[in-house]
């Protein structure tokens, strides 16, 4: 008659088993969790959120996060909530159900191509504490940055990881010689962590020092080679630090070229968008241009 029954066919794993992807994802209760929802239509997604909200259990939030992420089919209409506890999750589920905006969840429709491009940053987003929490909590990240730091130390004679672990008052993260290799080491750790989670990369793109992270992730450079280049690139750039200035403008490339005619001390550094050009040159020349613009 189609009746089903479960049967236990072996003993469960012992308590000292090796950590699995599941424990890697959900055992750390100190960090926020990503809760994914999906449905075939937007209306069904909102109904799913409404049905789920009364079922949230504060004692089993990690299990519920794991089940939603790894044991449910992921349909085209998606929502992801970033929450730290059950109360926050219930609030976000209600907001999704009632179509209320929130900075703690995002909605969207999945691409049919399902391809991911990993983009590696250049200088700019670094800050004094970056990577410290991940080093403490994520084994895959910690192991990778330690390996990258060892390769860097063989080239430089000093530890960039030790610099990354400084406190805010004595951090030197504003220096090219520190920030550039720190960004590289951080990216090695992030790649290794994403790969441990099973996240694929269908393309790799890097800007500035991020080119090294992309080249290493693509297998074009070994870790030793990339760390070597990161050290010498940042060391050489540090020798001319402070001698130039950059100016972001709302100019088109053709407008910028006309403006710079007869100004050899200023050049176009980057074409960011149809009406966004960054200029580079001496401080005096760019201050004059800024006033003119």
C-alpha atoms as a PDB file:
ATOM      1  CA  UNK A   1       0.000   0.000   0.000  1.00  0.00           C
ATOM      2  CA  UNK A   2       2.999   2.342  -0.249  1.00  0.00           C
ATOM      3  CA  UNK A   3       3.733   2.557   3.490  1.00  0.00           C
ATOM      4  CA  UNK A   4       7.276   3.740   4.313  1.00  0.00           C
ATOM      5  CA  UNK A   5       9.392   2.880   7.338  1.00  0.00           C
ATOM      6  CA  UNK A   6      12.893   3.977   8.391  1.00  0.00           C
ATOM      7  CA  UNK A   7      15.547   1.448   9.381  1.00  0.00           C
ATOM      8  CA  UNK A   8      18.809   2.120  11.231  1.00  0.00           C
ATOM      9  CA  UNK A   9      21.454   0.037   9.460  1.00  0.00           C
ATOM     10  CA  UNK A  10      24.628   1.116  11.263  1.00  0.00           C
ATOM     11  CA  UNK A  11      25.892   2.989  14.280  1.00  0.00           C
ATOM     12  CA  UNK A  12      26.143   6.797  13.963  1.00  0.00           C
ATOM     13  CA  UNK A  13      29.607   8.379  13.626  1.00  0.00           C
ATOM     14  CA  UNK A  14      31.577   8.708  16.849  1.00  0.00           C
ATOM     15  CA  UNK A  15      31.736  12.088  18.559  1.00  0.00           C
ATOM     16  CA  UNK A  16      35.380  12.624  17.597  1.00  0.00           C
ATOM     17  CA  UNK A  17      34.784  12.292  13.861  1.00  0.00           C
ATOM     18  CA  UNK A  18      36.484  14.749  11.538  1.00  0.00           C
ATOM     19  CA  UNK A  19      34.587  18.057  11.061  1.00  0.00           C
ATOM     20  CA  UNK A  20      32.296  17.983   8.042  1.00  0.00           C
ATOM     21  CA  UNK A  21      31.064  20.759   5.781  1.00  0.00           C
ATOM     22  CA  UNK A  22      27.984  20.929   7.997  1.00  0.00           C
ATOM     23  CA  UNK A  23      29.928  21.669  11.193  1.00  0.00           C
ATOM     24  CA  UNK A  24      32.122  24.063   9.252  1.00  0.00           C
ATOM     25  CA  UNK A  25      29.008  25.975   8.255  1.00  0.00           C
ATOM     26  CA  UNK A  26      26.853  26.076  11.353  1.00  0.00           C
ATOM     27  CA  UNK A  27      28.598  25.124  14.596  1.00  0.00           C
ATOM     28  CA  UNK A  28      30.003  28.597  15.340  1.00  0.00           C
ATOM     29  CA  UNK A  29      27.154  30.347  17.163  1.00  0.00           C
ATOM     30  CA  UNK A  30      29.008  33.672  17.431  1.00  0.00           C
ATOM     31  CA  UNK A  31      28.593  34.730  13.821  1.00  0.00           C
ATOM     32  CA  UNK A  32      25.541  35.658  11.739  1.00  0.00           C
ATOM     33  CA  UNK A  33      24.003  33.013   9.502  1.00  0.00           C
ATOM     34  CA  UNK A  34      22.718  33.124   5.957  1.00  0.00           C
ATOM     35  CA  UNK A  35      19.218  31.677   5.643  1.00  0.00           C
ATOM     36  CA  UNK A  36      18.238  30.984   1.997  1.00  0.00           C
ATOM     37  CA  UNK A  37      14.642  30.640   0.819  1.00  0.00           C
ATOM     38  CA  UNK A  38      13.402  29.854  -2.672  1.00  0.00           C
ATOM     39  CA  UNK A  39      10.207  29.218  -4.589  1.00  0.00           C
ATOM     40  CA  UNK A  40       8.934  28.993  -8.136  1.00  0.00           C
ATOM     41  CA  UNK A  41       7.219  32.415  -8.004  1.00  0.00           C
ATOM     42  CA  UNK A  42       7.423  35.584  -5.938  1.00  0.00           C
ATOM     43  CA  UNK A  43       4.002  34.920  -4.427  1.00  0.00           C
ATOM     44  CA  UNK A  44       5.032  31.407  -3.427  1.00  0.00           C
ATOM     45  CA  UNK A  45       8.250  32.774  -1.899  1.00  0.00           C
ATOM     46  CA  UNK A  46       6.287  35.192   0.292  1.00  0.00           C
ATOM     47  CA  UNK A  47       3.935  32.398   1.326  1.00  0.00           C
ATOM     48  CA  UNK A  48       6.921  30.176   2.164  1.00  0.00           C
ATOM     49  CA  UNK A  49       8.380  32.896   4.396  1.00  0.00           C
ATOM     50  CA  UNK A  50       5.027  33.338   6.166  1.00  0.00           C
ATOM     51  CA  UNK A  51       4.684  29.579   6.735  1.00  0.00           C
ATOM     52  CA  UNK A  52       8.242  29.246   8.036  1.00  0.00           C
ATOM     53  CA  UNK A  53       8.255  32.105  10.557  1.00  0.00           C
ATOM     54  CA  UNK A  54       6.227  30.329  13.317  1.00  0.00           C
ATOM     55  CA  UNK A  55       8.416  27.216  12.980  1.00  0.00           C
ATOM     56  CA  UNK A  56      11.743  28.857  13.873  1.00  0.00           C
ATOM     57  CA  UNK A  57      13.397  27.305  16.912  1.00  0.00           C
ATOM     58  CA  UNK A  58      16.060  29.322  18.743  1.00  0.00           C
ATOM     59  CA  UNK A  59      17.713  26.112  19.963  1.00  0.00           C
ATOM     60  CA  UNK A  60      17.979  24.646  16.468  1.00  0.00           C
ATOM     61  CA  UNK A  61      18.749  27.690  14.339  1.00  0.00           C
ATOM     62  CA  UNK A  62      21.975  26.139  13.047  1.00  0.00           C
ATOM     63  CA  UNK A  63      20.161  22.970  11.979  1.00  0.00           C
ATOM     64  CA  UNK A  64      17.438  24.987  10.297  1.00  0.00           C
ATOM     65  CA  UNK A  65      20.010  27.082   8.446  1.00  0.00           C
ATOM     66  CA  UNK A  66      21.792  23.940   7.295  1.00  0.00           C
ATOM     67  CA  UNK A  67      18.569  22.279   6.144  1.00  0.00           C
ATOM     68  CA  UNK A  68      17.442  25.313   4.147  1.00  0.00           C
ATOM     69  CA  UNK A  69      20.853  25.654   2.513  1.00  0.00           C
ATOM     70  CA  UNK A  70      21.764  22.033   1.851  1.00  0.00           C
ATOM     71  CA  UNK A  71      18.620  19.913   1.943  1.00  0.00           C
ATOM     72  CA  UNK A  72      16.107  21.943  -0.057  1.00  0.00           C
ATOM     73  CA  UNK A  73      15.844  22.419  -3.805  1.00  0.00           C
ATOM     74  CA  UNK A  74      16.865  25.949  -4.833  1.00  0.00           C
ATOM     75  CA  UNK A  75      14.139  27.304  -7.097  1.00  0.00           C
ATOM     76  CA  UNK A  76      14.360  30.447  -9.274  1.00  0.00           C
ATOM     77  CA  UNK A  77      12.857  33.050  -6.913  1.00  0.00           C
ATOM     78  CA  UNK A  78      15.337  33.613  -4.079  1.00  0.00           C
ATOM     79  CA  UNK A  79      15.614  35.407  -0.754  1.00  0.00           C
ATOM     80  CA  UNK A  80      18.563  35.383   1.643  1.00  0.00           C
ATOM     81  CA  UNK A  81      18.419  36.734   5.197  1.00  0.00           C
ATOM     82  CA  UNK A  82      21.490  37.531   7.315  1.00  0.00           C
ATOM     83  CA  UNK A  83      20.580  37.030  10.972  1.00  0.00           C
ATOM     84  CA  UNK A  84      22.276  36.471  14.323  1.00  0.00           C
ATOM     85  CA  UNK A  85      19.412  34.881  16.254  1.00  0.00           C
ATOM     86  CA  UNK A  86      15.922  33.435  15.941  1.00  0.00           C
ATOM     87  CA  UNK A  87      14.183  36.735  16.726  1.00  0.00           C
ATOM     88  CA  UNK A  88      15.970  38.458  13.857  1.00  0.00           C
ATOM     89  CA  UNK A  89      15.098  35.601  11.511  1.00  0.00           C
ATOM     90  CA  UNK A  90      11.402  35.724  12.388  1.00  0.00           C
ATOM     91  CA  UNK A  91      11.450  39.484  11.787  1.00  0.00           C
ATOM     92  CA  UNK A  92      13.108  39.075   8.381  1.00  0.00           C
ATOM     93  CA  UNK A  93      10.746  36.282   7.345  1.00  0.00           C
ATOM     94  CA  UNK A  94       7.777  38.476   8.185  1.00  0.00           C
ATOM     95  CA  UNK A  95       9.318  41.355   6.245  1.00  0.00           C
ATOM     96  CA  UNK A  96       9.768  39.089   3.207  1.00  0.00           C
ATOM     97  CA  UNK A  97       6.217  37.800   3.517  1.00  0.00           C
ATOM     98  CA  UNK A  98       4.824  41.350   3.757  1.00  0.00           C
ATOM     99  CA  UNK A  99       7.152  42.773   1.065  1.00  0.00           C
ATOM    100  CA  UNK A 100       8.769  45.157   3.541  1.00  0.00           C
ATOM    101  CA  UNK A 101      12.308  46.346   2.691  1.00  0.00           C
ATOM    102  CA  UNK A 102      15.160  45.544   5.072  1.00  0.00           C
ATOM    103  CA  UNK A 103      18.929  45.868   4.986  1.00  0.00           C
ATOM    104  CA  UNK A 104      19.207  42.338   6.394  1.00  0.00           C
ATOM    105  CA  UNK A 105      17.694  40.451   3.462  1.00  0.00           C
ATOM    106  CA  UNK A 106      17.913  40.497  -0.315  1.00  0.00           C
ATOM    107  CA  UNK A 107      15.541  39.252  -3.003  1.00  0.00           C
ATOM    108  CA  UNK A 108      16.256  38.232  -6.575  1.00  0.00           C
ATOM    109  CA  UNK A 109      15.773  35.747  -9.359  1.00  0.00           C
ATOM    110  CA  UNK A 110      18.499  33.197 -10.009  1.00  0.00           C
ATOM    111  CA  UNK A 111      20.352  33.316 -13.297  1.00  0.00           C
ATOM    112  CA  UNK A 112      19.748  30.339 -15.534  1.00  0.00           C
ATOM    113  CA  UNK A 113      23.470  30.263 -16.385  1.00  0.00           C
ATOM    114  CA  UNK A 114      24.528  29.812 -12.747  1.00  0.00           C
ATOM    115  CA  UNK A 115      28.049  31.066 -13.372  1.00  0.00           C
ATOM    116  CA  UNK A 116      30.179  32.930 -10.846  1.00  0.00           C
ATOM    117  CA  UNK A 117      32.930  35.429 -11.585  1.00  0.00           C
ATOM    118  CA  UNK A 118      35.368  35.951  -8.722  1.00  0.00           C
ATOM    119  CA  UNK A 119      36.683  39.530  -8.698  1.00  0.00           C
ATOM    120  CA  UNK A 120      39.886  40.311  -6.764  1.00  0.00           C
ATOM    121  CA  UNK A 121      40.246  43.820  -5.386  1.00  0.00           C
ATOM    122  CA  UNK A 122      43.168  46.180  -5.607  1.00  0.00           C
ATOM    123  CA  UNK A 123      44.112  48.624  -2.867  1.00  0.00           C
ATOM    124  CA  UNK A 124      41.408  50.659  -1.168  1.00  0.00           C
ATOM    125  CA  UNK A 125      39.134  48.452   0.948  1.00  0.00           C
ATOM    126  CA  UNK A 126      41.848  47.317   3.389  1.00  0.00           C
ATOM    127  CA  UNK A 127      41.438  48.143   7.090  1.00  0.00           C
ATOM    128  CA  UNK A 128      43.342  47.367  10.251  1.00  0.00           C
ATOM    129  CA  UNK A 129      41.315  44.342  11.489  1.00  0.00           C
ATOM    130  CA  UNK A 130      40.552  42.640   8.184  1.00  0.00           C
ATOM    131  CA  UNK A 131      40.754  38.863   8.358  1.00  0.00           C
ATOM    132  CA  UNK A 132      41.244  38.659  12.113  1.00  0.00           C
ATOM    133  CA  UNK A 133      37.847  37.103  12.863  1.00  0.00           C
ATOM    134  CA  UNK A 134      38.165  34.689   9.958  1.00  0.00           C
ATOM    135  CA  UNK A 135      41.608  33.592  11.186  1.00  0.00           C
ATOM    136  CA  UNK A 136      40.107  32.858  14.570  1.00  0.00           C
ATOM    137  CA  UNK A 137      36.981  31.038  13.393  1.00  0.00           C
ATOM    138  CA  UNK A 138      37.562  29.484   9.965  1.00  0.00           C
ATOM    139  CA  UNK A 139      40.099  26.622   9.755  1.00  0.00           C
ATOM    140  CA  UNK A 140      40.352  26.674   5.946  1.00  0.00           C
ATOM    141  CA  UNK A 141      40.971  30.430   5.918  1.00  0.00           C
ATOM    142  CA  UNK A 142      43.525  30.274   8.742  1.00  0.00           C
ATOM    143  CA  UNK A 143      45.535  27.465   7.146  1.00  0.00           C
ATOM    144  CA  UNK A 144      45.643  29.254   3.778  1.00  0.00           C
ATOM    145  CA  UNK A 145      46.757  32.641   5.108  1.00  0.00           C
ATOM    146  CA  UNK A 146      49.445  30.975   7.200  1.00  0.00           C
ATOM    147  CA  UNK A 147      50.794  29.247   4.081  1.00  0.00           C
ATOM    148  CA  UNK A 148      50.649  32.504   2.101  1.00  0.00           C
ATOM    149  CA  UNK A 149      52.392  34.365   4.914  1.00  0.00           C
ATOM    150  CA  UNK A 150      55.171  31.773   5.040  1.00  0.00           C
ATOM    151  CA  UNK A 151      55.725  32.177   1.288  1.00  0.00           C
ATOM    152  CA  UNK A 152      55.746  35.957   1.693  1.00  0.00           C
ATOM    153  CA  UNK A 153      58.169  35.814   4.609  1.00  0.00           C
ATOM    154  CA  UNK A 154      60.612  33.764   2.533  1.00  0.00           C
ATOM    155  CA  UNK A 155      60.658  36.608  -0.005  1.00  0.00           C
ATOM    156  CA  UNK A 156      60.468  39.585   2.370  1.00  0.00           C
ATOM    157  CA  UNK A 157      62.090  38.425   5.583  1.00  0.00           C
ATOM    158  CA  UNK A 158      59.123  39.589   7.685  1.00  0.00           C
ATOM    159  CA  UNK A 159      55.569  38.411   8.374  1.00  0.00           C
ATOM    160  CA  UNK A 160      52.670  40.270   6.768  1.00  0.00           C
ATOM    161  CA  UNK A 161      50.241  38.185   8.848  1.00  0.00           C
ATOM    162  CA  UNK A 162      51.789  39.585  11.996  1.00  0.00           C
ATOM    163  CA  UNK A 163      51.176  43.068  10.579  1.00  0.00           C
ATOM    164  CA  UNK A 164      47.539  42.142   9.845  1.00  0.00           C
ATOM    165  CA  UNK A 165      47.072  41.096  13.484  1.00  0.00           C
ATOM    166  CA  UNK A 166      48.166  44.435  14.951  1.00  0.00           C
ATOM    167  CA  UNK A 167      45.680  46.536  16.910  1.00  0.00           C
ATOM    168  CA  UNK A 168      44.133  49.712  15.530  1.00  0.00           C
ATOM    169  CA  UNK A 169      46.496  52.069  17.369  1.00  0.00           C
ATOM    170  CA  UNK A 170      49.692  50.608  15.888  1.00  0.00           C
ATOM    171  CA  UNK A 171      48.375  49.288  12.562  1.00  0.00           C
ATOM    172  CA  UNK A 172      50.393  50.213   9.477  1.00  0.00           C
ATOM    173  CA  UNK A 173      47.697  49.180   7.005  1.00  0.00           C
ATOM    174  CA  UNK A 174      47.792  52.591   5.292  1.00  0.00           C
ATOM    175  CA  UNK A 175      51.257  51.826   3.952  1.00  0.00           C
ATOM    176  CA  UNK A 176      51.549  50.410   0.416  1.00  0.00           C
ATOM    177  CA  UNK A 177      54.217  47.984   1.605  1.00  0.00           C
ATOM    178  CA  UNK A 178      51.776  46.474   4.127  1.00  0.00           C
ATOM    179  CA  UNK A 179      48.365  46.904   2.492  1.00  0.00           C
ATOM    180  CA  UNK A 180      49.169  45.325  -0.864  1.00  0.00           C
ATOM    181  CA  UNK A 181      50.582  42.021   0.409  1.00  0.00           C
ATOM    182  CA  UNK A 182      47.913  41.973   3.129  1.00  0.00           C
ATOM    183  CA  UNK A 183      45.211  42.175   0.466  1.00  0.00           C
ATOM    184  CA  UNK A 184      46.900  39.329  -1.394  1.00  0.00           C
ATOM    185  CA  UNK A 185      47.148  37.130   1.704  1.00  0.00           C
ATOM    186  CA  UNK A 186      43.512  37.872   2.571  1.00  0.00           C
ATOM    187  CA  UNK A 187      42.400  36.866  -0.928  1.00  0.00           C
ATOM    188  CA  UNK A 188      44.299  33.574  -0.710  1.00  0.00           C
ATOM    189  CA  UNK A 189      42.408  32.848   2.496  1.00  0.00           C
ATOM    190  CA  UNK A 190      39.029  33.797   1.038  1.00  0.00           C
ATOM    191  CA  UNK A 191      39.567  31.637  -2.053  1.00  0.00           C
ATOM    192  CA  UNK A 192      40.516  28.649   0.072  1.00  0.00           C
ATOM    193  CA  UNK A 193      37.502  29.136   2.346  1.00  0.00           C
ATOM    194  CA  UNK A 194      35.092  29.450  -0.585  1.00  0.00           C
ATOM    195  CA  UNK A 195      36.541  26.333  -2.180  1.00  0.00           C
ATOM    196  CA  UNK A 196      36.146  24.454   1.109  1.00  0.00           C
ATOM    197  CA  UNK A 197      32.478  25.445   1.044  1.00  0.00           C
ATOM    198  CA  UNK A 198      32.134  24.125  -2.490  1.00  0.00           C
ATOM    199  CA  UNK A 199      31.660  27.511  -4.190  1.00  0.00           C
ATOM    200  CA  UNK A 200      32.817  27.296  -7.838  1.00  0.00           C
ATOM    201  CA  UNK A 201      34.613  29.937  -9.908  1.00  0.00           C
ATOM    202  CA  UNK A 202      33.792  30.039 -13.609  1.00  0.00           C
ATOM    203  CA  UNK A 203      35.960  33.097 -14.197  1.00  0.00           C
ATOM    204  CA  UNK A 204      38.650  35.084 -12.360  1.00  0.00           C
ATOM    205  CA  UNK A 205      39.320  38.811 -12.673  1.00  0.00           C
ATOM    206  CA  UNK A 206      41.775  40.985 -10.785  1.00  0.00           C
ATOM    207  CA  UNK A 207      42.565  44.687 -10.539  1.00  0.00           C
ATOM    208  CA  UNK A 208      45.975  46.031  -9.450  1.00  0.00           C
ATOM    209  CA  UNK A 209      47.361  43.826  -6.674  1.00  0.00           C
ATOM    210  CA  UNK A 210      44.200  41.749  -7.084  1.00  0.00           C
ATOM    211  CA  UNK A 211      45.682  40.501 -10.350  1.00  0.00           C
ATOM    212  CA  UNK A 212      48.090  38.451  -8.230  1.00  0.00           C
ATOM    213  CA  UNK A 213      45.263  36.824  -6.287  1.00  0.00           C
ATOM    214  CA  UNK A 214      43.437  36.025  -9.525  1.00  0.00           C
ATOM    215  CA  UNK A 215      46.588  34.680 -11.184  1.00  0.00           C
ATOM    216  CA  UNK A 216      47.296  32.440  -8.191  1.00  0.00           C
ATOM    217  CA  UNK A 217      43.690  31.189  -8.003  1.00  0.00           C
ATOM    218  CA  UNK A 218      43.749  30.426 -11.744  1.00  0.00           C
ATOM    219  CA  UNK A 219      46.970  28.431 -11.403  1.00  0.00           C
ATOM    220  CA  UNK A 220      48.995  30.876 -13.519  1.00  0.00           C
ATOM    221  CA  UNK A 221      51.320  31.650 -10.583  1.00  0.00           C
ATOM    222  CA  UNK A 222      52.389  29.428  -7.723  1.00  0.00           C
ATOM    223  CA  UNK A 223      51.907  30.713  -4.185  1.00  0.00           C
ATOM    224  CA  UNK A 224      55.662  31.338  -3.941  1.00  0.00           C
ATOM    225  CA  UNK A 225      55.703  33.329  -7.190  1.00  0.00           C
ATOM    226  CA  UNK A 226      52.649  35.415  -6.316  1.00  0.00           C
ATOM    227  CA  UNK A 227      53.981  36.207  -2.822  1.00  0.00           C
ATOM    228  CA  UNK A 228      57.366  37.177  -4.339  1.00  0.00           C
ATOM    229  CA  UNK A 229      55.728  39.606  -6.773  1.00  0.00           C
ATOM    230  CA  UNK A 230      53.451  41.000  -4.030  1.00  0.00           C
ATOM    231  CA  UNK A 231      56.475  41.825  -1.896  1.00  0.00           C
ATOM    232  CA  UNK A 232      58.588  43.511  -4.562  1.00  0.00           C
ATOM    233  CA  UNK A 233      55.638  45.307  -6.196  1.00  0.00           C
ATOM    234  CA  UNK A 234      54.607  46.878  -2.878  1.00  0.00           C
ATOM    235  CA  UNK A 235      58.214  47.588  -1.847  1.00  0.00           C
ATOM    236  CA  UNK A 236      58.923  49.504  -5.063  1.00  0.00           C
ATOM    237  CA  UNK A 237      55.663  51.435  -4.955  1.00  0.00           C
ATOM    238  CA  UNK A 238      56.422  52.469  -1.375  1.00  0.00           C
ATOM    239  CA  UNK A 239      59.557  54.270  -2.579  1.00  0.00           C
ATOM    240  CA  UNK A 240      57.424  56.806  -4.490  1.00  0.00           C
ATOM    241  CA  UNK A 241      54.445  56.944  -2.111  1.00  0.00           C
ATOM    242  CA  UNK A 242      53.115  60.441  -1.537  1.00  0.00           C
ATOM    243  CA  UNK A 243      54.545  61.901  -4.726  1.00  0.00           C
ATOM    244  CA  UNK A 244      51.286  61.732  -6.682  1.00  0.00           C
ATOM    245  CA  UNK A 245      47.602  62.508  -6.275  1.00  0.00           C
ATOM    246  CA  UNK A 246      44.397  61.239  -7.863  1.00  0.00           C
ATOM    247  CA  UNK A 247      41.212  63.132  -8.698  1.00  0.00           C
ATOM    248  CA  UNK A 248      37.837  61.542  -9.502  1.00  0.00           C
ATOM    249  CA  UNK A 249      35.826  63.540 -12.052  1.00  0.00           C
ATOM    250  CA  UNK A 250      32.423  63.339 -13.752  1.00  0.00           C
ATOM    251  CA  UNK A 251      34.015  63.736 -17.177  1.00  0.00           C
ATOM    252  CA  UNK A 252      33.753  61.586 -20.265  1.00  0.00           C
ATOM    253  CA  UNK A 253      37.044  60.321 -21.738  1.00  0.00           C
ATOM    254  CA  UNK A 254      36.864  62.814 -24.621  1.00  0.00           C
ATOM    255  CA  UNK A 255      36.163  65.718 -22.234  1.00  0.00           C
ATOM    256  CA  UNK A 256      39.090  64.651 -20.045  1.00  0.00           C
ATOM    257  CA  UNK A 257      41.477  64.490 -23.010  1.00  0.00           C
ATOM    258  CA  UNK A 258      40.488  67.999 -24.122  1.00  0.00           C
ATOM    259  CA  UNK A 259      40.921  69.294 -20.567  1.00  0.00           C
ATOM    260  CA  UNK A 260      44.406  67.779 -20.252  1.00  0.00           C
ATOM    261  CA  UNK A 261      45.731  69.170 -23.542  1.00  0.00           C
ATOM    262  CA  UNK A 262      48.859  71.132 -22.660  1.00  0.00           C
ATOM    263  CA  UNK A 263      49.001  69.709 -19.132  1.00  0.00           C
ATOM    264  CA  UNK A 264      51.750  67.044 -19.246  1.00  0.00           C
ATOM    265  CA  UNK A 265      51.863  66.855 -15.446  1.00  0.00           C
ATOM    266  CA  UNK A 266      48.391  65.224 -15.389  1.00  0.00           C
ATOM    267  CA  UNK A 267      47.228  62.017 -17.075  1.00  0.00           C
ATOM    268  CA  UNK A 268      44.154  59.809 -17.218  1.00  0.00           C
ATOM    269  CA  UNK A 269      44.534  57.051 -14.628  1.00  0.00           C
ATOM    270  CA  UNK A 270      41.287  55.140 -15.091  1.00  0.00           C
ATOM    271  CA  UNK A 271      38.152  55.128 -17.242  1.00  0.00           C
ATOM    272  CA  UNK A 272      35.546  53.978 -14.734  1.00  0.00           C
ATOM    273  CA  UNK A 273      32.300  54.666 -16.610  1.00  0.00           C
ATOM    274  CA  UNK A 274      31.031  56.719 -19.573  1.00  0.00           C
ATOM    275  CA  UNK A 275      30.997  59.839 -17.352  1.00  0.00           C
ATOM    276  CA  UNK A 276      33.586  58.953 -14.716  1.00  0.00           C
ATOM    277  CA  UNK A 277      37.304  59.469 -15.251  1.00  0.00           C
ATOM    278  CA  UNK A 278      40.044  59.405 -12.608  1.00  0.00           C
ATOM    279  CA  UNK A 279      43.036  61.667 -13.174  1.00  0.00           C
ATOM    280  CA  UNK A 280      46.543  61.322 -11.747  1.00  0.00           C
ATOM    281  CA  UNK A 281      49.307  63.898 -11.390  1.00  0.00           C
ATOM    282  CA  UNK A 282      50.946  66.372  -9.061  1.00  0.00           C
ATOM    283  CA  UNK A 283      48.960  67.682  -6.131  1.00  0.00           C
ATOM    284  CA  UNK A 284      49.235  71.271  -7.292  1.00  0.00           C
ATOM    285  CA  UNK A 285      48.024  70.551 -10.807  1.00  0.00           C
ATOM    286  CA  UNK A 286      45.072  68.472  -9.637  1.00  0.00           C
ATOM    287  CA  UNK A 287      44.086  71.037  -6.998  1.00  0.00           C
ATOM    288  CA  UNK A 288      43.966  73.632  -9.779  1.00  0.00           C
ATOM    289  CA  UNK A 289      41.892  71.330 -11.979  1.00  0.00           C
ATOM    290  CA  UNK A 290      39.497  70.572  -9.127  1.00  0.00           C
ATOM    291  CA  UNK A 291      38.885  74.282  -8.629  1.00  0.00           C
ATOM    292  CA  UNK A 292      38.362  74.758 -12.356  1.00  0.00           C
ATOM    293  CA  UNK A 293      35.895  71.884 -12.560  1.00  0.00           C
END
